[in-house]
Amino acid sequence: MKKLSAVQLKQQALVFGVCNQIEEQGREELHGMVQCWFDVQYHQFPGSLLLRFQFENEATLSAAKPEIKKWQKRLSAALLKKGVVLKDMRRHLVFTLEGPEG
């Protein structure tokens, strides 16, 4: 893997900070949420950012689905506070049963 540039390291710190904040809120408010994890290609940031909220099972995932727009808006707002604009917030946060290792 290529070493990250200074700008990319700043982006990485920003993404980790926002993800940790959103994950903490999610665990408090969404029953059955296991963790938040993300993929990002820093050379295509922010367009390549994708956060995933992982849930325990299909029942907890289904129960949380109506809340997804609220969480997409929260992600967009948290990034905007850091000076990052998401063009289409629906593309950057999804609810899933998959973990980062799968």
Protein backbone atom coordinates (compact mmCIF):
# COMPACT_ATOMS: atom_id res chain seq x y z
CA MET A 1 0.00 0.00 0.00
CA LYS A 2 1.23 3.46 -0.93
CA LYS A 3 2.12 5.84 1.86
CA LEU A 4 -0.45 8.59 2.47
CA SER A 5 0.45 12.22 1.77
CA ALA A 6 0.12 14.91 4.44
CA VAL A 7 -3.25 15.96 2.99
CA GLN A 8 -4.46 12.36 2.93
CA LEU A 9 -3.36 11.87 6.56
CA LYS A 10 -5.48 14.92 7.52
CA GLN A 11 -8.41 13.44 5.60
CA GLN A 12 -7.92 10.12 7.38
CA ALA A 13 -7.95 11.80 10.80
CA LEU A 14 -11.09 13.73 9.83
CA VAL A 15 -12.86 10.54 8.66
CA PHE A 16 -11.89 8.60 11.79
CA GLY A 17 -13.12 11.43 14.01
CA VAL A 18 -16.48 11.74 12.25
CA CYS A 19 -16.95 7.95 12.11
CA ASN A 20 -16.22 7.56 15.81
CA GLN A 21 -18.70 10.32 16.66
CA ILE A 22 -21.43 8.87 14.41
CA GLU A 23 -20.77 5.32 15.67
CA GLU A 24 -21.15 6.42 19.28
CA GLN A 25 -24.49 8.10 18.50
CA GLY A 26 -25.63 5.07 16.51
CA ARG A 27 -24.90 2.62 19.31
CA GLU A 28 -26.93 4.79 21.70
CA GLU A 29 -29.91 5.33 19.40
CA LEU A 30 -30.14 2.30 17.09
CA HIS A 31 -31.05 -1.00 18.71
CA GLY A 32 -28.90 -3.85 17.41
CA MET A 33 -26.17 -1.75 15.83
CA VAL A 34 -22.87 -3.63 16.15
CA GLN A 35 -20.36 -1.18 14.68
CA CYS A 36 -19.66 1.48 12.10
CA TRP A 37 -16.95 0.87 9.52
CA PHE A 38 -15.92 2.56 6.31
CA ASP A 39 -14.08 2.35 3.02
CA VAL A 40 -12.44 5.32 1.38
CA GLN A 41 -9.99 5.97 -1.42
CA TYR A 42 -8.22 9.09 -0.18
CA HIS A 43 -7.20 10.17 -3.70
CA GLN A 44 -10.96 10.31 -4.51
CA PHE A 45 -12.14 11.79 -1.21
CA PRO A 46 -14.90 12.64 -0.36
CA GLY A 47 -16.67 10.97 -3.29
CA SER A 48 -15.34 7.52 -2.41
CA LEU A 49 -16.31 7.59 1.29
CA LEU A 50 -18.77 4.87 2.29
CA LEU A 51 -19.80 4.31 5.91
CA ARG A 52 -21.61 1.15 6.89
CA PHE A 53 -23.66 0.64 10.02
CA GLN A 54 -23.49 -3.08 10.79
CA PHE A 55 -26.45 -4.66 12.58
CA GLU A 56 -26.78 -7.89 14.59
CA ASN A 57 -29.47 -9.55 12.46
CA GLU A 58 -32.14 -9.02 9.83
CA ALA A 59 -34.77 -7.98 12.42
CA THR A 60 -32.67 -5.15 13.86
CA LEU A 61 -31.62 -4.09 10.35
CA SER A 62 -35.24 -3.96 9.18
CA ALA A 63 -36.27 -2.01 12.27
CA ALA A 64 -33.53 0.58 11.64
CA LYS A 65 -34.13 1.05 7.88
CA PRO A 66 -36.69 3.88 8.29
CA GLU A 67 -34.00 5.88 10.15
CA ILE A 68 -31.37 5.80 7.38
CA LYS A 69 -32.11 9.25 5.93
CA LYS A 70 -31.66 10.82 9.37
CA TRP A 71 -28.23 9.18 9.69
CA GLN A 72 -27.20 10.16 6.17
CA LYS A 73 -28.06 13.77 7.05
CA ARG A 74 -26.08 13.51 10.29
CA LEU A 75 -23.04 12.24 8.42
CA SER A 76 -23.34 15.03 5.86
CA ALA A 77 -23.74 17.66 8.60
CA ALA A 78 -20.78 16.31 10.61
CA LEU A 79 -18.54 16.40 7.54
CA LEU A 80 -19.80 19.85 6.55
CA LYS A 81 -18.73 21.16 9.97
CA LYS A 82 -15.24 19.96 9.04
CA GLY A 83 -15.40 21.66 5.64
CA VAL A 84 -16.22 18.56 3.57
CA VAL A 85 -19.23 18.66 1.25
CA LEU A 86 -20.96 15.44 0.14
CA LYS A 87 -22.74 15.89 -3.19
CA ASP A 88 -25.19 13.01 -2.66
CA MET A 89 -25.43 11.94 0.98
CA ARG A 90 -27.38 8.77 0.09
CA ARG A 91 -24.28 7.29 -1.51
CA HIS A 92 -22.12 7.61 1.60
CA LEU A 93 -23.92 5.71 4.37
CA VAL A 94 -25.69 2.35 4.27
CA PHE A 95 -27.11 -0.12 6.78
CA THR A 96 -25.86 -3.72 6.43
CA LEU A 97 -25.37 -7.09 8.10
CA GLU A 98 -21.86 -7.45 6.63
CA GLY A 99 -18.74 -6.84 8.68
CA PRO A 100 -15.49 -5.30 7.49
CA GLU A 101 -13.83 -8.69 7.22
CA GLY A 102 -16.49 -10.07 4.84
